[in-house]
Amino acid sequence: MKKINYFLIAMIIGVATVFTSCAKDEEIIDPNPSIDFKGGATYTSTDVTIKAGESILVGINAAQNSSTKKKLTKFTIVLTQNNTPSTLIDETMTSNQEAVYSQDFNITFNNEGTVKLVATIIDSDNKSDEVFFNVTVEPAGVVVKKKTNVELGSFNDAVGSFYSTSTEEVFTVSGAFDNQAKVDIIFFKGVTYVNALAAPDDADVNTTIPTFQLNTWTTKNQTRFIKSEMTAAAFDAIGTTYDFPDFGVAASSKATLLVNGDVVYFKTQAGKRGFIKVVDLYSRGDLGKFDVIVEE
């Protein structure tokens, strides 16, 4: 009889061991819901650099845990900049979103700096999952002003040859002498340089054109020029702001051999950057028409 009891006890222990083992096998390793960014050409899903004021499209796909089947309850997008979090989206799931959630968001970034975007999904068991990327927001550009159809004459023309980018004025020889500090650009025509724009401190314009009387000036602004690869159409497309490129070291005190449609990048002694587009040099050559864009 004792042998039978021992046998029954052994069987009970064995069955309990089997059930315990099965229970462990069925334990859910990852009970969290899932979330991912949508991919594709129109979506942003990884670190990105944009200009202030620009927008990105963020797409979200989320789903309840396939094992727990816990309902999705909440979705958030939090933006953190300078260690300060700000909740952009805080959405409670509707009944038709409790198993699967899919949504797109157009997000605009106005402030410069680095922003961490974190998207989080939470279920009814308070389990969660998140994804994130960083957005680097660069300056959108500076405010510019545009002056069109500026006519400048060469040294033998009645129209003034001297231009002020700050006041948008054209000066004759006498007027320029009285406003030396304002003059940034001089237009002239010659045998060597044909149609040219020069700074008041340019050696050639000072020595080869005595009628400009630059030898009497005490202030000669050091404007610098670079022949740009910008097209006339790209120049025309510039609006009220522009993100100027770095001004290269290969700049010159003059831009020469100009033809219609050329665009010249310049920087004044005051540090203002801008572009000049050659609109029309006319057939006679001693008169030019220009459009000018410059920083405010």
Protein backbone atom coordinates (compact mmCIF):
# COMPACT_ATOMS: atom_id res chain seq x y z
CA MET A 1 0.00 0.00 0.00
CA LYS A 2 2.88 2.33 0.76
CA LYS A 3 4.35 1.61 -2.65
CA ILE A 4 1.10 2.67 -4.34
CA ASN A 5 1.00 5.93 -2.38
CA TYR A 6 4.57 6.73 -3.30
CA PHE A 7 3.74 6.03 -6.94
CA LEU A 8 0.69 8.33 -6.87
CA ILE A 9 2.69 11.12 -5.25
CA ALA A 10 5.36 10.80 -7.92
CA MET A 11 2.74 10.99 -10.67
CA ILE A 12 1.19 14.11 -9.14
CA ILE A 13 4.58 15.82 -8.91
CA GLY A 14 5.31 14.91 -12.52
CA VAL A 15 2.01 16.29 -13.80
CA ALA A 16 2.52 19.52 -11.83
CA THR A 17 5.96 19.88 -13.36
CA VAL A 18 4.52 19.50 -16.86
CA PHE A 19 1.84 22.15 -16.24
CA THR A 20 4.39 24.54 -14.73
CA SER A 21 6.63 24.09 -17.75
CA CYS A 22 3.76 24.80 -20.16
CA ALA A 23 2.82 27.95 -18.26
CA LYS A 24 6.37 29.24 -18.59
CA ASP A 25 6.39 28.48 -22.31
CA GLU A 26 3.27 30.63 -22.78
CA GLU A 27 4.66 33.68 -20.92
CA ILE A 28 4.62 36.82 -23.14
CA ILE A 29 8.16 38.09 -23.55
CA ASP A 30 7.27 41.54 -24.99
CA PRO A 31 3.82 42.76 -23.93
CA ASN A 32 4.20 46.24 -25.42
CA PRO A 33 2.27 47.68 -28.36
CA SER A 34 4.28 48.62 -31.46
CA ILE A 35 4.88 51.91 -33.26
CA ASP A 36 6.86 52.89 -36.36
CA PHE A 37 7.32 55.90 -38.61
CA LYS A 38 5.96 55.60 -42.12
CA GLY A 39 8.63 55.48 -44.81
CA GLY A 40 8.68 56.81 -48.35
CA ALA A 41 9.77 59.87 -50.29
CA THR A 42 7.15 62.21 -48.83
CA TYR A 43 7.71 61.26 -45.18
CA THR A 44 10.42 62.17 -42.70
CA SER A 45 11.43 59.25 -40.48
CA THR A 46 15.12 59.88 -39.69
CA ASP A 47 17.28 62.82 -38.60
CA VAL A 48 16.74 65.78 -40.92
CA THR A 49 17.94 69.37 -41.43
CA ILE A 50 15.45 72.03 -42.54
CA LYS A 51 15.08 75.81 -42.63
CA ALA A 52 13.07 77.73 -40.04
CA GLY A 53 9.46 77.98 -41.16
CA GLU A 54 9.57 74.77 -43.18
CA SER A 55 7.33 71.74 -42.55
CA ILE A 56 7.87 68.00 -42.56
CA LEU A 57 5.34 65.18 -42.99
CA VAL A 58 5.45 62.58 -40.21
CA GLY A 59 3.48 59.37 -40.66
CA ILE A 60 2.67 56.96 -37.81
CA ASN A 61 1.72 53.27 -37.85
CA ALA A 62 0.90 51.68 -34.47
CA ALA A 63 -0.74 48.42 -33.39
CA GLN A 64 -1.84 46.63 -30.24
CA ASN A 65 0.27 43.75 -29.00
CA SER A 66 -0.70 40.65 -30.97
CA SER A 67 -0.52 38.46 -27.86
CA THR A 68 -2.07 40.59 -25.13
CA LYS A 69 -4.65 42.25 -27.40
CA LYS A 70 -4.68 45.22 -25.03
CA LYS A 71 -6.49 48.16 -26.60
CA LEU A 72 -4.56 51.22 -27.73
CA THR A 73 -5.59 54.16 -25.57
CA LYS A 74 -3.31 57.13 -26.21
CA PHE A 75 -0.87 58.61 -28.75
CA THR A 76 1.47 61.56 -28.21
CA ILE A 77 4.11 63.53 -30.06
CA VAL A 78 6.48 65.49 -27.83
CA LEU A 79 9.02 68.00 -29.14
CA THR A 80 12.03 68.71 -26.92
CA GLN A 81 14.32 71.68 -27.51
CA ASN A 82 16.93 73.01 -25.06
CA ASN A 83 15.86 70.28 -22.60
CA THR A 84 12.32 71.67 -22.57
CA PRO A 85 9.59 69.22 -23.70
CA SER A 86 6.43 70.43 -25.37
CA THR A 87 3.48 68.16 -26.17
CA LEU A 88 2.39 68.75 -29.75
CA ILE A 89 -0.13 65.89 -30.10
CA ASP A 90 -2.08 64.25 -27.25
CA GLU A 91 -4.73 62.01 -28.76
CA THR A 92 -7.10 59.56 -27.10
CA MET A 93 -7.96 56.57 -29.26
CA THR A 94 -11.48 56.14 -30.60
CA SER A 95 -13.11 52.72 -30.79
CA ASN A 96 -11.96 52.14 -34.36
CA GLN A 97 -8.35 52.97 -33.41
CA GLU A 98 -8.01 50.59 -30.48
CA ALA A 99 -6.35 47.81 -32.48
CA VAL A 100 -4.54 49.73 -35.24
CA TYR A 101 -3.63 53.41 -35.43
CA SER A 102 -2.42 55.20 -38.57
CA GLN A 103 -2.12 58.95 -38.99
CA ASP A 104 -0.13 61.67 -40.80
CA PHE A 105 0.96 65.01 -39.37
CA ASN A 106 2.36 68.11 -41.08
CA ILE A 107 4.63 69.76 -38.53
CA THR A 108 6.15 73.23 -38.96
CA PHE A 109 9.34 74.26 -37.15
CA ASN A 110 9.75 78.01 -36.68
CA ASN A 111 12.54 78.20 -34.10
CA GLU A 112 16.19 77.55 -34.88
CA GLY A 113 18.05 74.78 -33.05
CA THR A 114 17.85 71.01 -32.59
CA VAL A 115 14.49 69.46 -31.77
CA LYS A 116 13.94 65.84 -30.68
CA LEU A 117 10.62 64.47 -31.91
CA VAL A 118 9.30 61.51 -29.90
CA ALA A 119 6.13 59.63 -30.88
CA THR A 120 4.64 57.31 -28.22
CA ILE A 121 1.76 54.81 -28.22
CA ILE A 122 0.19 53.57 -24.95
CA ASP A 123 -2.27 50.71 -24.36
CA SER A 124 -4.88 49.96 -21.70
CA ASP A 125 -2.32 48.05 -19.62
CA ASN A 126 -0.15 51.21 -19.59
CA LYS A 127 2.42 49.48 -21.77
CA SER A 128 4.08 51.70 -24.36
CA ASP A 129 6.47 51.95 -27.29
CA GLU A 130 8.15 54.98 -28.85
CA VAL A 131 10.17 56.11 -31.86
CA PHE A 132 12.12 59.33 -32.38
CA PHE A 133 14.38 61.39 -34.62
CA ASN A 134 16.09 64.79 -34.47
CA VAL A 135 15.22 67.87 -36.50
CA THR A 136 17.96 70.47 -36.98
CA VAL A 137 16.38 73.83 -37.80
CA GLU A 138 18.67 76.32 -39.53
CA PRO A 139 18.06 80.03 -40.17
CA ALA A 140 15.60 80.62 -42.98
CA GLY A 141 17.53 83.52 -44.42
CA VAL A 142 17.64 87.26 -44.04
CA VAL A 143 15.16 89.87 -45.16
CA VAL A 144 16.16 91.39 -48.49
CA LYS A 145 15.04 94.33 -50.58
CA LYS A 146 14.88 94.38 -54.37
CA LYS A 147 15.36 97.37 -56.65
CA THR A 148 14.56 96.83 -60.33
CA ASN A 149 15.54 98.66 -63.49
CA VAL A 150 18.40 100.62 -61.98
CA GLU A 151 20.09 102.53 -64.81
CA LEU A 152 23.79 103.35 -64.52
CA GLY A 153 25.81 105.22 -67.10
CA SER A 154 29.50 104.89 -67.85
CA PHE A 155 31.95 107.77 -67.43
CA ASN A 156 30.82 109.42 -70.69
CA ASP A 157 27.08 109.26 -70.01
CA ALA A 158 24.77 111.79 -68.39
CA VAL A 159 23.26 109.05 -66.22
CA GLY A 160 25.11 108.59 -62.93
CA SER A 161 27.68 105.79 -62.58
CA PHE A 162 27.63 105.45 -58.79
CA TYR A 163 25.13 103.35 -56.80
CA SER A 164 24.31 103.09 -53.12
CA THR A 165 22.81 99.75 -52.08
CA SER A 166 21.75 101.14 -48.70
CA THR A 167 19.76 104.12 -49.99
CA GLU A 168 19.07 102.76 -53.52
CA GLU A 169 20.30 106.02 -55.05
CA VAL A 170 22.21 106.68 -58.27
CA PHE A 171 24.79 109.48 -58.10
CA THR A 172 26.63 111.52 -60.70
CA VAL A 173 30.29 112.46 -60.17
CA SER A 174 29.52 115.52 -58.06
CA GLY A 175 26.77 113.77 -56.11
CA ALA A 176 29.01 110.78 -55.44
CA PHE A 177 31.77 113.00 -54.06
CA ASP A 178 29.30 114.44 -51.56
CA ASN A 179 28.08 110.93 -50.62
CA GLN A 180 31.28 108.87 -50.65
CA ALA A 181 30.31 106.78 -47.64
CA LYS A 182 27.11 105.68 -49.38
CA VAL A 183 28.62 104.57 -52.70
CA ASP A 184 29.12 100.80 -53.00
CA ILE A 185 29.21 100.16 -56.75
CA ILE A 186 30.53 101.95 -59.83
CA PHE A 187 29.59 101.00 -63.40
CA PHE A 188 32.04 101.66 -66.20
CA LYS A 189 32.89 100.54 -69.72
CA GLY A 190 36.40 100.13 -71.07
CA VAL A 191 38.47 98.39 -73.72
CA THR A 192 39.92 95.79 -71.35
CA TYR A 193 36.99 94.99 -69.09
CA VAL A 194 34.17 95.96 -71.50
CA ASN A 195 31.15 96.25 -69.13
CA ALA A 196 32.20 96.18 -65.49
CA LEU A 197 31.09 96.83 -61.94
CA ALA A 198 33.73 97.97 -59.47
CA ALA A 199 34.22 99.01 -55.87
CA PRO A 200 35.26 102.59 -55.14
CA ASP A 201 38.63 101.26 -53.92
CA ASP A 202 39.33 99.27 -57.12
CA ALA A 203 42.75 100.19 -58.52
CA ASP A 204 41.73 100.18 -62.19
CA VAL A 205 38.66 102.36 -61.83
CA ASN A 206 40.77 104.79 -59.77
CA THR A 207 43.59 105.09 -62.31
CA THR A 208 42.04 104.58 -65.76
CA ILE A 209 38.97 106.83 -65.51
CA PRO A 210 40.10 110.25 -64.29
CA THR A 211 36.68 111.79 -64.94
CA PHE A 212 35.36 109.90 -61.91
CA GLN A 213 37.73 112.04 -59.78
CA LEU A 214 38.21 109.20 -57.31
CA ASN A 215 41.64 110.57 -56.48
CA THR A 216 39.85 113.30 -54.52
CA TRP A 217 37.85 110.86 -52.41
CA THR A 218 38.74 110.21 -48.78
CA THR A 219 36.27 107.34 -48.27
CA LYS A 220 36.33 104.41 -50.70
CA ASN A 221 34.09 101.51 -49.74
CA GLN A 222 35.60 98.07 -50.26
CA THR A 223 32.76 96.22 -51.98
CA ARG A 224 33.74 92.77 -53.26
CA PHE A 225 32.30 90.80 -56.18
CA ILE A 226 32.03 87.19 -57.32
CA LYS A 227 30.63 86.11 -60.68
CA SER A 228 27.73 83.88 -59.67
CA GLU A 229 26.40 80.76 -61.37
CA MET A 230 22.88 81.84 -60.44
CA THR A 231 20.57 82.14 -63.41
CA ALA A 232 18.46 85.19 -64.13
CA ALA A 233 15.35 83.09 -63.46
CA ALA A 234 16.67 82.05 -60.03
CA PHE A 235 17.40 85.69 -59.25
CA ASP A 236 13.87 86.69 -60.22
CA ALA A 237 12.45 83.94 -57.98
CA ILE A 238 14.01 85.39 -54.81
CA GLY A 239 11.28 86.72 -52.53
CA THR A 240 11.42 88.77 -49.35
CA THR A 241 14.02 86.55 -47.62
CA TYR A 242 17.09 84.70 -48.84
CA ASP A 243 19.65 82.35 -47.34
CA PHE A 244 22.89 83.70 -48.77
CA PRO A 245 25.80 81.29 -49.26
CA ASP A 246 29.18 81.94 -47.70
CA PHE A 247 31.04 84.73 -49.42
CA GLY A 248 34.18 83.14 -50.84
CA VAL A 249 37.77 84.26 -50.47
CA ALA A 250 38.14 84.45 -54.26
CA ALA A 251 36.23 87.72 -54.39
CA SER A 252 37.48 90.65 -56.44
CA SER A 253 37.17 94.42 -56.32
CA LYS A 254 35.41 94.28 -59.70
CA ALA A 255 33.25 92.06 -61.91
CA THR A 256 34.15 92.33 -65.58
CA LEU A 257 33.10 91.26 -69.09
CA LEU A 258 29.46 91.38 -68.09
CA VAL A 259 26.70 90.39 -70.50
CA ASN A 260 22.93 90.43 -70.31
CA GLY A 261 21.61 87.84 -67.86
CA ASP A 262 24.76 87.69 -65.72
CA VAL A 263 24.29 87.63 -61.95
CA VAL A 264 27.03 88.99 -59.69
CA TYR A 265 27.26 88.17 -55.98
CA PHE A 266 28.58 91.05 -53.88
CA LYS A 267 29.33 92.03 -50.31
CA THR A 268 29.58 95.63 -49.19
CA GLN A 269 32.12 96.96 -46.72
CA ALA A 270 29.26 97.17 -44.22
CA GLY A 271 28.83 93.39 -44.56
CA LYS A 272 25.60 93.43 -46.55
CA ARG A 273 25.38 90.68 -49.17
CA GLY A 274 23.43 90.87 -52.38
CA PHE A 275 23.10 90.05 -56.06
CA ILE A 276 23.11 92.24 -59.16
CA LYS A 277 21.47 90.98 -62.33
CA VAL A 278 22.42 92.51 -65.66
CA VAL A 279 19.10 93.30 -67.32
CA ASP A 280 20.21 95.21 -70.42
CA LEU A 281 23.53 96.67 -71.53
CA TYR A 282 21.99 98.20 -74.64
CA SER A 283 23.72 98.22 -77.99
CA ARG A 284 25.63 101.44 -77.40
CA GLY A 285 27.32 99.98 -74.34
CA ASP A 286 27.81 103.06 -72.16
CA LEU A 287 24.53 102.55 -70.32
CA GLY A 288 23.36 99.57 -68.30
CA LYS A 289 20.16 98.48 -66.60
CA PHE A 290 20.36 96.31 -63.48
CA ASP A 291 18.22 94.67 -60.82
CA VAL A 292 19.69 94.69 -57.32
CA ILE A 293 18.90 92.48 -54.32
CA VAL A 294 20.58 93.25 -50.99
CA GLU A 295 20.18 92.46 -47.31
CA GLU A 296 18.05 94.87 -45.31
